Amino acid sequence: MPNRPAHQLRYSLRAMCLLGALIIGIGPAMASTPVAAPRATTTPRLEGPQQALLDAALGRLAPQRQGVTDMYVLGVAGDSDEDVFRNEVVYLQQLSSQRWDAAGRMISLINHPQTRTGTNAVPMATYQSLDYTLDALGERLDPQEDVLFLYLSSHGLRDNSFYLHTDRNEEELLTPADLAQMLDEAKIGNAVIVVSACYSGGFVPALQAPNRMIITAARKDRPSFGCGNTDSATWSGRAFLVEALNATNDFTAAYSQTKMTVRRREKEEREQPSEPQFRAGQAITEILAKWRESLPTTPAVPYPFVHQLRPALPTGREKTAAGQINRKAL
């Protein structure tokens, strides 16, 4: 397991920085135009049963195999109010196990009512749990030889942050800078990072590196589509995970197919182009080419979820997270 005191220190420092930003902003706000204060973190701390659940999941991860390019997979479903995010992360586990030789090397962080308790309980997706998991993965995988596939699916805000919502009145934001710092401090080497959210293109400049591939559902100033009570998967999630990655294990080719599929649907439904983004360094491109050579030919993995209408969100829910979330845009 990662060094817990160091992890908790980073979390405390982040909270202090947020408080400092709030204090600094108060003075000018009192003398001139009011400024928006940073959003307070209200998600549960990583402790007690949640800590034990996450430690148990991490303890079950298969070890790294020397001389083999192992793919470790981390799926994050950010918003507990939407089925689509949970669906995609659950499906990612099946897809990666059957097509990427990643059985036993997949972990999920999911915010959803059906995964909170009982035999189906899964660790929640919070800033702390993501940070802690990345630290553990950094200790497990070989940064030169292995690859982390990180898939984040939730709402995104206009400031390019990623929305984490565990329950009513429990929420926080993950910024591109936050994620970049987590990956660097965990010493994660080769990584494929997919951010399926509105305005997610803002993650590209913060994360780009020779040993990283970054794929986002939209450019930094555009929404993407398909959340809420409209489908069993987001538009980009279905195009990328269900369609493209069942046709190829080449993530670059999958991105190109996804971009065309999403644009075609946006035209059909008369939506503004989301313009998915892609950036890949030379080092990760070469590692992935070597990884693909070792994969067996496998059949497509059926998507197990069908659309089921859930009760409407409470009045005003669409305007949480700084007023940027709605049921159609992601």
C-alpha atoms as a PDB file:
ATOM      1  CA  MET A   1       0.000   0.000   0.000  1.00  0.00           C
ATOM      2  CA  PRO A   2       1.178   3.588  -0.548  1.00  0.00           C
ATOM      3  CA  ASN A   3       2.727   5.577   2.251  1.00  0.00           C
ATOM      4  CA  ARG A   4      -0.379   6.797   4.051  1.00  0.00           C
ATOM      5  CA  PRO A   5       1.155   9.712   5.986  1.00  0.00           C
ATOM      6  CA  ALA A   6       2.586  11.214   2.780  1.00  0.00           C
ATOM      7  CA  HIS A   7      -0.748  10.774   1.025  1.00  0.00           C
ATOM      8  CA  GLN A   8      -2.644  12.435   3.869  1.00  0.00           C
ATOM      9  CA  LEU A   9      -0.104  15.281   3.948  1.00  0.00           C
ATOM     10  CA  ARG A  10      -0.730  16.030   0.259  1.00  0.00           C
ATOM     11  CA  TYR A  11      -4.480  16.045   0.852  1.00  0.00           C
ATOM     12  CA  SER A  12      -4.102  18.408   3.824  1.00  0.00           C
ATOM     13  CA  LEU A  13      -1.861  20.720   1.808  1.00  0.00           C
ATOM     14  CA  ARG A  14      -4.444  20.832  -0.976  1.00  0.00           C
ATOM     15  CA  ALA A  15      -7.158  21.780   1.512  1.00  0.00           C
ATOM     16  CA  MET A  16      -4.909  24.509   2.914  1.00  0.00           C
ATOM     17  CA  CYS A  17      -4.272  25.843  -0.600  1.00  0.00           C
ATOM     18  CA  LEU A  18      -8.000  26.009  -1.284  1.00  0.00           C
ATOM     19  CA  LEU A  19      -8.544  27.820   2.001  1.00  0.00           C
ATOM     20  CA  GLY A  20      -5.695  30.198   1.207  1.00  0.00           C
ATOM     21  CA  ALA A  21      -7.168  30.950  -2.193  1.00  0.00           C
ATOM     22  CA  LEU A  22     -10.473  31.722  -0.550  1.00  0.00           C
ATOM     23  CA  ILE A  23      -8.884  34.042   2.025  1.00  0.00           C
ATOM     24  CA  ILE A  24      -6.813  35.843  -0.619  1.00  0.00           C
ATOM     25  CA  GLY A  25      -9.930  36.356  -2.713  1.00  0.00           C
ATOM     26  CA  ILE A  26     -11.949  37.880   0.117  1.00  0.00           C
ATOM     27  CA  GLY A  27     -10.010  41.174   0.345  1.00  0.00           C
ATOM     28  CA  PRO A  28     -10.410  42.263  -3.296  1.00  0.00           C
ATOM     29  CA  ALA A  29     -13.991  41.028  -3.285  1.00  0.00           C
ATOM     30  CA  MET A  30     -14.887  43.300  -0.375  1.00  0.00           C
ATOM     31  CA  ALA A  31     -13.409  46.341  -2.108  1.00  0.00           C
ATOM     32  CA  SER A  32     -14.650  45.709  -5.645  1.00  0.00           C
ATOM     33  CA  THR A  33     -16.660  43.217  -7.680  1.00  0.00           C
ATOM     34  CA  PRO A  34     -17.324  39.957  -5.780  1.00  0.00           C
ATOM     35  CA  VAL A  35     -15.242  36.988  -6.929  1.00  0.00           C
ATOM     36  CA  ALA A  36     -16.416  33.373  -7.021  1.00  0.00           C
ATOM     37  CA  ALA A  37     -14.950  31.426  -4.108  1.00  0.00           C
ATOM     38  CA  PRO A  38     -13.334  28.006  -4.646  1.00  0.00           C
ATOM     39  CA  ARG A  39     -15.823  25.169  -4.182  1.00  0.00           C
ATOM     40  CA  ALA A  40     -15.525  23.442  -0.830  1.00  0.00           C
ATOM     41  CA  THR A  41     -14.708  19.732  -0.761  1.00  0.00           C
ATOM     42  CA  THR A  42     -17.621  17.872   0.842  1.00  0.00           C
ATOM     43  CA  THR A  43     -16.959  14.271  -0.197  1.00  0.00           C
ATOM     44  CA  PRO A  44     -16.255  11.750   2.606  1.00  0.00           C
ATOM     45  CA  ARG A  45     -12.665  11.324   3.752  1.00  0.00           C
ATOM     46  CA  LEU A  46     -10.902   8.112   2.829  1.00  0.00           C
ATOM     47  CA  GLU A  47     -11.073   6.216   6.124  1.00  0.00           C
ATOM     48  CA  GLY A  48     -12.886   3.372   7.900  1.00  0.00           C
ATOM     49  CA  PRO A  49     -14.871   1.007   5.642  1.00  0.00           C
ATOM     50  CA  GLN A  50     -13.965   2.928   2.479  1.00  0.00           C
ATOM     51  CA  GLN A  51     -10.261   2.709   3.302  1.00  0.00           C
ATOM     52  CA  ALA A  52     -10.586  -1.020   3.988  1.00  0.00           C
ATOM     53  CA  LEU A  53     -12.556  -1.584   0.772  1.00  0.00           C
ATOM     54  CA  LEU A  54      -9.954   0.199  -1.329  1.00  0.00           C
ATOM     55  CA  ASP A  55      -7.024  -1.539   0.374  1.00  0.00           C
ATOM     56  CA  ALA A  56      -8.669  -4.914  -0.252  1.00  0.00           C
ATOM     57  CA  ALA A  57      -9.191  -4.105  -3.956  1.00  0.00           C
ATOM     58  CA  LEU A  58      -5.602  -2.951  -4.332  1.00  0.00           C
ATOM     59  CA  GLY A  59      -4.357  -6.033  -2.491  1.00  0.00           C
ATOM     60  CA  ARG A  60      -6.053  -8.274  -5.058  1.00  0.00           C
ATOM     61  CA  LEU A  61      -4.191  -6.760  -8.020  1.00  0.00           C
ATOM     62  CA  ALA A  62      -2.023  -9.217  -9.905  1.00  0.00           C
ATOM     63  CA  PRO A  63       1.721  -8.567  -9.746  1.00  0.00           C
ATOM     64  CA  GLN A  64       3.771  -7.062 -12.533  1.00  0.00           C
ATOM     65  CA  ARG A  65       5.421  -9.646 -14.809  1.00  0.00           C
ATOM     66  CA  GLN A  66       9.059  -8.964 -15.608  1.00  0.00           C
ATOM     67  CA  GLY A  67       9.713  -8.879 -19.333  1.00  0.00           C
ATOM     68  CA  VAL A  68       6.015  -8.414 -20.160  1.00  0.00           C
ATOM     69  CA  THR A  69       4.268  -5.124 -20.949  1.00  0.00           C
ATOM     70  CA  ASP A  70       1.409  -5.364 -18.452  1.00  0.00           C
ATOM     71  CA  MET A  71      -1.615  -3.082 -18.817  1.00  0.00           C
ATOM     72  CA  TYR A  72      -3.020  -1.869 -15.493  1.00  0.00           C
ATOM     73  CA  VAL A  73      -6.488  -0.325 -15.817  1.00  0.00           C
ATOM     74  CA  LEU A  74      -8.117   2.250 -13.538  1.00  0.00           C
ATOM     75  CA  GLY A  75     -11.695   3.315 -14.235  1.00  0.00           C
ATOM     76  CA  VAL A  76     -13.288   6.315 -12.503  1.00  0.00           C
ATOM     77  CA  ALA A  77     -17.042   7.002 -12.608  1.00  0.00           C
ATOM     78  CA  GLY A  78     -17.465  10.451 -11.110  1.00  0.00           C
ATOM     79  CA  ASP A  79     -21.152  11.288 -10.672  1.00  0.00           C
ATOM     80  CA  SER A  80     -23.458   9.151  -8.530  1.00  0.00           C
ATOM     81  CA  ASP A  81     -26.604  10.546 -10.178  1.00  0.00           C
ATOM     82  CA  GLU A  82     -25.874   9.061 -13.621  1.00  0.00           C
ATOM     83  CA  ASP A  83     -25.937   5.403 -14.704  1.00  0.00           C
ATOM     84  CA  VAL A  84     -23.864   6.010 -17.838  1.00  0.00           C
ATOM     85  CA  PHE A  85     -20.613   6.693 -15.976  1.00  0.00           C
ATOM     86  CA  ARG A  86     -20.959   3.559 -13.827  1.00  0.00           C
ATOM     87  CA  ASN A  87     -21.926   1.499 -16.889  1.00  0.00           C
ATOM     88  CA  GLU A  88     -18.824   2.488 -18.824  1.00  0.00           C
ATOM     89  CA  VAL A  89     -16.401   1.749 -15.995  1.00  0.00           C
ATOM     90  CA  VAL A  90     -17.977  -1.653 -15.277  1.00  0.00           C
ATOM     91  CA  TYR A  91     -17.799  -2.458 -18.990  1.00  0.00           C
ATOM     92  CA  LEU A  92     -14.167  -1.311 -19.159  1.00  0.00           C
ATOM     93  CA  GLN A  93     -13.296  -4.035 -16.655  1.00  0.00           C
ATOM     94  CA  GLN A  94     -14.846  -6.690 -18.901  1.00  0.00           C
ATOM     95  CA  LEU A  95     -13.294  -5.257 -22.061  1.00  0.00           C
ATOM     96  CA  SER A  96      -9.775  -4.988 -20.639  1.00  0.00           C
ATOM     97  CA  SER A  97      -9.904  -8.459 -19.088  1.00  0.00           C
ATOM     98  CA  GLN A  98     -11.001 -10.154 -22.287  1.00  0.00           C
ATOM     99  CA  ARG A  99      -9.175  -8.141 -24.966  1.00  0.00           C
ATOM    100  CA  TRP A 100      -6.099  -6.628 -23.279  1.00  0.00           C
ATOM    101  CA  ASP A 101      -4.804  -9.491 -21.115  1.00  0.00           C
ATOM    102  CA  ALA A 102      -5.493  -7.284 -18.077  1.00  0.00           C
ATOM    103  CA  ALA A 103      -7.446  -9.769 -15.923  1.00  0.00           C
ATOM    104  CA  GLY A 104      -6.604  -9.101 -12.282  1.00  0.00           C
ATOM    105  CA  ARG A 105      -5.033  -5.744 -13.119  1.00  0.00           C
ATOM    106  CA  MET A 106      -8.171  -3.600 -13.175  1.00  0.00           C
ATOM    107  CA  ILE A 107      -9.534  -1.461 -10.360  1.00  0.00           C
ATOM    108  CA  SER A 108     -12.645   0.724 -10.326  1.00  0.00           C
ATOM    109  CA  LEU A 109     -13.629   3.814  -8.337  1.00  0.00           C
ATOM    110  CA  ILE A 110     -17.358   4.341  -8.778  1.00  0.00           C
ATOM    111  CA  ASN A 111     -19.898   6.797  -7.407  1.00  0.00           C
ATOM    112  CA  HIS A 112     -23.308   5.157  -7.780  1.00  0.00           C
ATOM    113  CA  PRO A 113     -26.101   4.077  -5.363  1.00  0.00           C
ATOM    114  CA  GLN A 114     -25.800   0.420  -6.422  1.00  0.00           C
ATOM    115  CA  THR A 115     -22.093   0.168  -5.597  1.00  0.00           C
ATOM    116  CA  ARG A 116     -22.071   1.700  -2.112  1.00  0.00           C
ATOM    117  CA  THR A 117     -22.851  -1.348   0.039  1.00  0.00           C
ATOM    118  CA  GLY A 118     -23.230  -5.122  -0.032  1.00  0.00           C
ATOM    119  CA  THR A 119     -21.439  -7.672  -2.182  1.00  0.00           C
ATOM    120  CA  ASN A 120     -21.288  -5.221  -5.109  1.00  0.00           C
ATOM    121  CA  ALA A 121     -19.566  -2.494  -3.078  1.00  0.00           C
ATOM    122  CA  VAL A 122     -16.827  -0.624  -4.939  1.00  0.00           C
ATOM    123  CA  PRO A 123     -14.582   2.122  -3.525  1.00  0.00           C
ATOM    124  CA  MET A 124     -15.922   5.617  -4.136  1.00  0.00           C
ATOM    125  CA  ALA A 125     -14.289   8.031  -6.558  1.00  0.00           C
ATOM    126  CA  THR A 126     -12.927  11.027  -4.648  1.00  0.00           C
ATOM    127  CA  TYR A 127      -9.788  13.137  -4.859  1.00  0.00           C
ATOM    128  CA  GLN A 128      -8.312  11.161  -1.962  1.00  0.00           C
ATOM    129  CA  SER A 129      -9.207   7.708  -3.285  1.00  0.00           C
ATOM    130  CA  LEU A 130      -7.842   8.515  -6.754  1.00  0.00           C
ATOM    131  CA  ASP A 131      -4.614   9.898  -5.302  1.00  0.00           C
ATOM    132  CA  TYR A 132      -4.221   6.881  -3.018  1.00  0.00           C
ATOM    133  CA  THR A 133      -4.914   4.414  -5.848  1.00  0.00           C
ATOM    134  CA  LEU A 134      -2.411   6.035  -8.186  1.00  0.00           C
ATOM    135  CA  ASP A 135       0.227   5.883  -5.435  1.00  0.00           C
ATOM    136  CA  ALA A 136      -0.450   2.154  -5.004  1.00  0.00           C
ATOM    137  CA  LEU A 137      -0.307   1.536  -8.752  1.00  0.00           C
ATOM    138  CA  GLY A 138       2.957   3.458  -8.950  1.00  0.00           C
ATOM    139  CA  GLU A 139       4.426   1.017  -6.450  1.00  0.00           C
ATOM    140  CA  ARG A 140       3.016  -2.010  -8.291  1.00  0.00           C
ATOM    141  CA  LEU A 141       3.835  -1.458 -11.963  1.00  0.00           C
ATOM    142  CA  ASP A 142       7.193  -1.028 -13.687  1.00  0.00           C
ATOM    143  CA  PRO A 143       7.267   2.591 -14.965  1.00  0.00           C
ATOM    144  CA  GLN A 144       9.555   1.665 -17.861  1.00  0.00           C
ATOM    145  CA  GLU A 145       7.873  -1.533 -18.971  1.00  0.00           C
ATOM    146  CA  ASP A 146       4.169  -1.361 -18.049  1.00  0.00           C
ATOM    147  CA  VAL A 147       1.277   0.946 -18.991  1.00  0.00           C
ATOM    148  CA  LEU A 148      -1.512   2.512 -16.945  1.00  0.00           C
ATOM    149  CA  PHE A 149      -4.816   2.956 -18.778  1.00  0.00           C
ATOM    150  CA  LEU A 150      -6.772   5.595 -16.836  1.00  0.00           C
ATOM    151  CA  TYR A 151     -10.382   6.179 -17.870  1.00  0.00           C
ATOM    152  CA  LEU A 152     -12.321   9.025 -16.230  1.00  0.00           C
ATOM    153  CA  SER A 153     -16.022   9.484 -17.003  1.00  0.00           C
ATOM    154  CA  SER A 154     -18.207  12.198 -15.473  1.00  0.00           C
ATOM    155  CA  HIS A 155     -19.419  15.727 -15.999  1.00  0.00           C
ATOM    156  CA  GLY A 156     -16.903  18.433 -16.817  1.00  0.00           C
ATOM    157  CA  LEU A 157     -17.038  22.146 -16.029  1.00  0.00           C
ATOM    158  CA  ARG A 158     -16.150  25.181 -18.112  1.00  0.00           C
ATOM    159  CA  ASP A 159     -13.001  25.679 -16.042  1.00  0.00           C
ATOM    160  CA  ASN A 160     -11.923  22.218 -17.350  1.00  0.00           C
ATOM    161  CA  SER A 161     -12.280  20.505 -13.969  1.00  0.00           C
ATOM    162  CA  PHE A 162     -13.711  16.994 -13.594  1.00  0.00           C
ATOM    163  CA  TYR A 163     -16.745  16.518 -11.333  1.00  0.00           C
ATOM    164  CA  LEU A 164     -16.691  14.048  -8.418  1.00  0.00           C
ATOM    165  CA  HIS A 165     -20.065  13.587  -6.704  1.00  0.00           C
ATOM    166  CA  THR A 166     -20.520  10.798  -4.163  1.00  0.00           C
ATOM    167  CA  ASP A 167     -23.987  11.591  -2.796  1.00  0.00           C
ATOM    168  CA  ARG A 168     -26.332  14.480  -2.150  1.00  0.00           C
ATOM    169  CA  ASN A 169     -24.332  17.553  -1.086  1.00  0.00           C
ATOM    170  CA  GLU A 170     -21.057  15.570  -1.386  1.00  0.00           C
ATOM    171  CA  GLU A 171     -18.909  16.851  -4.225  1.00  0.00           C
ATOM    172  CA  GLU A 172     -15.484  18.113  -5.248  1.00  0.00           C
ATOM    173  CA  LEU A 173     -13.558  18.967  -8.400  1.00  0.00           C
ATOM    174  CA  LEU A 174     -10.453  17.428  -9.955  1.00  0.00           C
ATOM    175  CA  THR A 175      -8.456  19.920 -12.030  1.00  0.00           C
ATOM    176  CA  PRO A 176      -5.972  19.043 -14.798  1.00  0.00           C
ATOM    177  CA  ALA A 177      -3.173  20.301 -12.550  1.00  0.00           C
ATOM    178  CA  ASP A 178      -4.400  18.039  -9.728  1.00  0.00           C
ATOM    179  CA  LEU A 179      -4.248  14.956 -11.931  1.00  0.00           C
ATOM    180  CA  ALA A 180      -0.849  15.882 -13.366  1.00  0.00           C
ATOM    181  CA  GLN A 181       0.558  16.233  -9.850  1.00  0.00           C
ATOM    182  CA  MET A 182      -0.941  12.900  -8.759  1.00  0.00           C
ATOM    183  CA  LEU A 183       0.598  11.060 -11.707  1.00  0.00           C
ATOM    184  CA  ASP A 184       3.989  12.685 -11.229  1.00  0.00           C
ATOM    185  CA  GLU A 185       4.140  12.061  -7.482  1.00  0.00           C
ATOM    186  CA  ALA A 186       3.000   8.446  -7.906  1.00  0.00           C
ATOM    187  CA  LYS A 187       5.824   8.011 -10.432  1.00  0.00           C
ATOM    188  CA  ILE A 188       3.454   6.584 -13.020  1.00  0.00           C
ATOM    189  CA  GLY A 189       5.482   6.105 -16.177  1.00  0.00           C
ATOM    190  CA  ASN A 190       3.724   5.081 -19.389  1.00  0.00           C
ATOM    191  CA  ALA A 191       0.052   6.058 -19.388  1.00  0.00           C
ATOM    192  CA  VAL A 192      -2.983   6.279 -21.635  1.00  0.00           C
ATOM    193  CA  ILE A 193      -5.380   8.803 -20.108  1.00  0.00           C
ATOM    194  CA  VAL A 194      -8.950   9.121 -21.371  1.00  0.00           C
ATOM    195  CA  VAL A 195     -11.117  11.933 -19.980  1.00  0.00           C
ATOM    196  CA  SER A 196     -14.732  11.542 -21.075  1.00  0.00           C
ATOM    197  CA  ALA A 197     -16.362  14.785 -19.959  1.00  0.00           C
ATOM    198  CA  CYS A 198     -17.417  18.203 -21.176  1.00  0.00           C
ATOM    199  CA  TYR A 199     -14.575  20.720 -21.655  1.00  0.00           C
ATOM    200  CA  SER A 200     -12.057  17.917 -21.053  1.00  0.00           C
ATOM    201  CA  GLY A 201      -9.592  19.198 -23.658  1.00  0.00           C
ATOM    202  CA  GLY A 202      -8.121  21.318 -20.872  1.00  0.00           C
ATOM    203  CA  PHE A 203      -6.441  18.166 -19.547  1.00  0.00           C
ATOM    204  CA  VAL A 204      -4.224  17.832 -22.631  1.00  0.00           C
ATOM    205  CA  PRO A 205      -1.645  20.608 -22.000  1.00  0.00           C
ATOM    206  CA  ALA A 206      -1.394  19.723 -18.301  1.00  0.00           C
ATOM    207  CA  LEU A 207      -0.777  16.011 -18.903  1.00  0.00           C
ATOM    208  CA  GLN A 208       1.217  15.835 -22.141  1.00  0.00           C
ATOM    209  CA  ALA A 209       4.549  14.033 -21.952  1.00  0.00           C
ATOM    210  CA  PRO A 210       6.605  11.734 -24.211  1.00  0.00           C
ATOM    211  CA  ASN A 211       5.348   8.665 -22.338  1.00  0.00           C
ATOM    212  CA  ARG A 212       1.658   9.644 -22.249  1.00  0.00           C
ATOM    213  CA  MET A 213      -1.277   9.436 -24.620  1.00  0.00           C
ATOM    214  CA  ILE A 214      -4.215  11.714 -23.789  1.00  0.00           C
ATOM    215  CA  ILE A 215      -7.673  11.341 -25.323  1.00  0.00           C
ATOM    216  CA  THR A 216     -10.548  13.641 -24.396  1.00  0.00           C
ATOM    217  CA  ALA A 217     -14.232  13.658 -25.342  1.00  0.00           C
ATOM    218  CA  ALA A 218     -14.220  17.369 -26.206  1.00  0.00           C
ATOM    219  CA  ARG A 219     -11.968  20.359 -26.667  1.00  0.00           C
ATOM    220  CA  LYS A 220     -11.441  22.670 -23.717  1.00  0.00           C
ATOM    221  CA  ASP A 221     -14.309  25.046 -24.592  1.00  0.00           C
ATOM    222  CA  ARG A 222     -16.906  22.556 -25.871  1.00  0.00           C
ATOM    223  CA  PRO A 223     -19.405  20.206 -24.213  1.00  0.00           C
ATOM    224  CA  SER A 224     -19.750  16.531 -25.086  1.00  0.00           C
ATOM    225  CA  PHE A 225     -23.051  14.637 -24.975  1.00  0.00           C
ATOM    226  CA  GLY A 226     -24.962  11.638 -23.735  1.00  0.00           C
ATOM    227  CA  CYS A 227     -25.272  11.799 -19.943  1.00  0.00           C
ATOM    228  CA  GLY A 228     -28.481  11.738 -17.938  1.00  0.00           C
ATOM    229  CA  ASN A 229     -31.633   9.792 -18.735  1.00  0.00           C
ATOM    230  CA  THR A 230     -30.914   9.530 -22.472  1.00  0.00           C
ATOM    231  CA  ASP A 231     -28.855   6.362 -23.046  1.00  0.00           C
ATOM    232  CA  SER A 232     -26.936   3.537 -21.382  1.00  0.00           C
ATOM    233  CA  ALA A 233     -23.592   5.094 -22.390  1.00  0.00           C
ATOM    234  CA  THR A 234     -22.324   8.556 -23.252  1.00  0.00           C
ATOM    235  CA  TRP A 235     -21.862   9.332 -26.937  1.00  0.00           C
ATOM    236  CA  SER A 236     -18.080   9.263 -26.759  1.00  0.00           C
ATOM    237  CA  GLY A 237     -18.017   6.317 -24.330  1.00  0.00           C
ATOM    238  CA  ARG A 238     -20.120   4.176 -26.659  1.00  0.00           C
ATOM    239  CA  ALA A 239     -18.119   5.213 -29.725  1.00  0.00           C
ATOM    240  CA  PHE A 240     -14.742   4.619 -28.055  1.00  0.00           C
ATOM    241  CA  LEU A 241     -15.212   1.717 -25.623  1.00  0.00           C
ATOM    242  CA  VAL A 242     -18.057  -0.275 -27.144  1.00  0.00           C
ATOM    243  CA  GLU A 243     -17.482   0.271 -30.859  1.00  0.00           C
ATOM    244  CA  ALA A 244     -13.902   1.314 -31.606  1.00  0.00           C
ATOM    245  CA  LEU A 245     -12.067  -0.770 -28.986  1.00  0.00           C
ATOM    246  CA  ASN A 246     -13.989  -3.862 -30.015  1.00  0.00           C
ATOM    247  CA  ALA A 247     -12.687  -3.363 -33.549  1.00  0.00           C
ATOM    248  CA  THR A 248      -9.053  -2.554 -32.712  1.00  0.00           C
ATOM    249  CA  ASN A 249      -6.582  -2.499 -29.813  1.00  0.00           C
ATOM    250  CA  ASP A 250      -4.793   0.442 -31.403  1.00  0.00           C
ATOM    251  CA  PHE A 251      -5.828   3.435 -29.286  1.00  0.00           C
ATOM    252  CA  THR A 252      -4.801   5.906 -31.977  1.00  0.00           C
ATOM    253  CA  ALA A 253      -7.023   4.192 -34.543  1.00  0.00           C
ATOM    254  CA  ALA A 254      -9.805   3.921 -31.951  1.00  0.00           C
ATOM    255  CA  TYR A 255      -9.630   7.667 -31.350  1.00  0.00           C
ATOM    256  CA  SER A 256      -9.899   8.396 -35.089  1.00  0.00           C
ATOM    257  CA  GLN A 257     -12.934   6.131 -35.397  1.00  0.00           C
ATOM    258  CA  THR A 258     -14.514   7.672 -32.289  1.00  0.00           C
ATOM    259  CA  LYS A 259     -14.059  11.201 -33.597  1.00  0.00           C
ATOM    260  CA  MET A 260     -15.876  10.332 -36.832  1.00  0.00           C
ATOM    261  CA  THR A 261     -18.659   8.419 -35.064  1.00  0.00           C
ATOM    262  CA  VAL A 262     -19.335  11.200 -32.558  1.00  0.00           C
ATOM    263  CA  ARG A 263     -19.304  13.908 -35.224  1.00  0.00           C
ATOM    264  CA  ARG A 264     -21.789  11.946 -37.335  1.00  0.00           C
ATOM    265  CA  ARG A 265     -24.166  11.669 -34.383  1.00  0.00           C
ATOM    266  CA  GLU A 266     -23.751  15.343 -33.510  1.00  0.00           C
ATOM    267  CA  LYS A 267     -24.703  16.264 -37.069  1.00  0.00           C
ATOM    268  CA  GLU A 268     -27.752  13.991 -36.942  1.00  0.00           C
ATOM    269  CA  GLU A 269     -28.910  15.601 -33.703  1.00  0.00           C
ATOM    270  CA  ARG A 270     -27.810  19.107 -34.713  1.00  0.00           C
ATOM    271  CA  GLU A 271     -25.397  19.594 -31.861  1.00  0.00           C
ATOM    272  CA  GLN A 272     -22.313  21.809 -31.832  1.00  0.00           C
ATOM    273  CA  PRO A 273     -19.189  19.695 -32.579  1.00  0.00           C
ATOM    274  CA  SER A 274     -17.512  18.551 -29.382  1.00  0.00           C
ATOM    275  CA  GLU A 275     -14.178  18.096 -31.183  1.00  0.00           C
ATOM    276  CA  PRO A 276     -12.467  15.298 -29.211  1.00  0.00           C
ATOM    277  CA  GLN A 277      -8.756  15.839 -28.623  1.00  0.00           C
ATOM    278  CA  PHE A 278      -5.713  13.586 -28.919  1.00  0.00           C
ATOM    279  CA  ARG A 279      -2.037  13.895 -28.015  1.00  0.00           C
ATOM    280  CA  ALA A 280       0.549  11.102 -27.920  1.00  0.00           C
ATOM    281  CA  GLY A 281       4.266  11.156 -27.219  1.00  0.00           C
ATOM    282  CA  GLN A 282       6.740   9.048 -29.157  1.00  0.00           C
ATOM    283  CA  ALA A 283       7.689   6.876 -26.178  1.00  0.00           C
ATOM    284  CA  ILE A 284       4.133   5.752 -25.381  1.00  0.00           C
ATOM    285  CA  THR A 285       3.434   5.129 -29.067  1.00  0.00           C
ATOM    286  CA  GLU A 286       6.364   2.688 -29.245  1.00  0.00           C
ATOM    287  CA  ILE A 287       5.435   0.943 -25.970  1.00  0.00           C
ATOM    288  CA  LEU A 288       1.838   0.430 -27.120  1.00  0.00           C
ATOM    289  CA  ALA A 289       2.977  -0.994 -30.468  1.00  0.00           C
ATOM    290  CA  LYS A 290       5.043  -3.586 -28.578  1.00  0.00           C
ATOM    291  CA  TRP A 291       2.112  -4.325 -26.237  1.00  0.00           C
ATOM    292  CA  ARG A 292      -0.297  -4.922 -29.136  1.00  0.00           C
ATOM    293  CA  GLU A 293       2.035  -7.514 -30.668  1.00  0.00           C
ATOM    294  CA  SER A 294       1.566  -9.752 -27.618  1.00  0.00           C
ATOM    295  CA  LEU A 295      -2.234  -9.666 -27.591  1.00  0.00           C
ATOM    296  CA  PRO A 296      -4.228 -12.644 -28.852  1.00  0.00           C
ATOM    297  CA  THR A 297      -7.084 -12.199 -31.308  1.00  0.00           C
ATOM    298  CA  THR A 298     -10.302 -12.072 -29.299  1.00  0.00           C
ATOM    299  CA  PRO A 299     -13.986 -11.556 -30.130  1.00  0.00           C
ATOM    300  CA  ALA A 300     -15.928  -8.389 -29.408  1.00  0.00           C
ATOM    301  CA  VAL A 301     -17.243  -7.973 -25.859  1.00  0.00           C
ATOM    302  CA  PRO A 302     -21.021  -7.316 -25.779  1.00  0.00           C
ATOM    303  CA  TYR A 303     -22.169  -4.221 -23.908  1.00  0.00           C
ATOM    304  CA  PRO A 304     -24.380  -5.542 -21.080  1.00  0.00           C
ATOM    305  CA  PHE A 305     -26.347  -2.407 -20.269  1.00  0.00           C
ATOM    306  CA  VAL A 306     -29.624  -1.161 -21.721  1.00  0.00           C
ATOM    307  CA  HIS A 307     -31.178   2.206 -21.083  1.00  0.00           C
ATOM    308  CA  GLN A 308     -33.377   2.302 -17.988  1.00  0.00           C
ATOM    309  CA  LEU A 309     -35.133   5.510 -17.059  1.00  0.00           C
ATOM    310  CA  ARG A 310     -34.176   6.727 -13.584  1.00  0.00           C
ATOM    311  CA  PRO A 311     -36.166   9.291 -11.586  1.00  0.00           C
ATOM    312  CA  ALA A 312     -35.541  12.887 -12.589  1.00  0.00           C
ATOM    313  CA  LEU A 313     -32.870  14.777 -10.701  1.00  0.00           C
ATOM    314  CA  PRO A 314     -34.126  17.026  -7.883  1.00  0.00           C
ATOM    315  CA  THR A 315     -35.083  20.545  -8.910  1.00  0.00           C
ATOM    316  CA  GLY A 316     -31.966  22.649  -9.288  1.00  0.00           C
ATOM    317  CA  ARG A 317     -29.613  19.632  -9.510  1.00  0.00           C
ATOM    318  CA  GLU A 318     -28.712  20.604 -13.067  1.00  0.00           C
ATOM    319  CA  LYS A 319     -27.184  23.822 -11.736  1.00  0.00           C
ATOM    320  CA  THR A 320     -24.810  22.321  -9.182  1.00  0.00           C
ATOM    321  CA  ALA A 321     -21.069  22.272  -9.855  1.00  0.00           C
ATOM    322  CA  ALA A 322     -20.951  25.965 -10.755  1.00  0.00           C
ATOM    323  CA  GLY A 323     -24.042  25.761 -12.947  1.00  0.00           C
ATOM    324  CA  GLN A 324     -22.368  23.823 -15.768  1.00  0.00           C
ATOM    325  CA  ILE A 325     -24.115  20.444 -15.588  1.00  0.00           C
ATOM    326  CA  ASN A 326     -27.170  19.465 -17.594  1.00  0.00           C
ATOM    327  CA  ARG A 327     -28.721  16.183 -18.524  1.00  0.00           C
ATOM    328  CA  LYS A 328     -27.677  16.168 -22.175  1.00  0.00           C
ATOM    329  CA  ALA A 329     -24.235  17.714 -22.154  1.00  0.00           C
ATOM    330  CA  LEU A 330     -21.589  15.738 -20.333  1.00  0.00           C
END
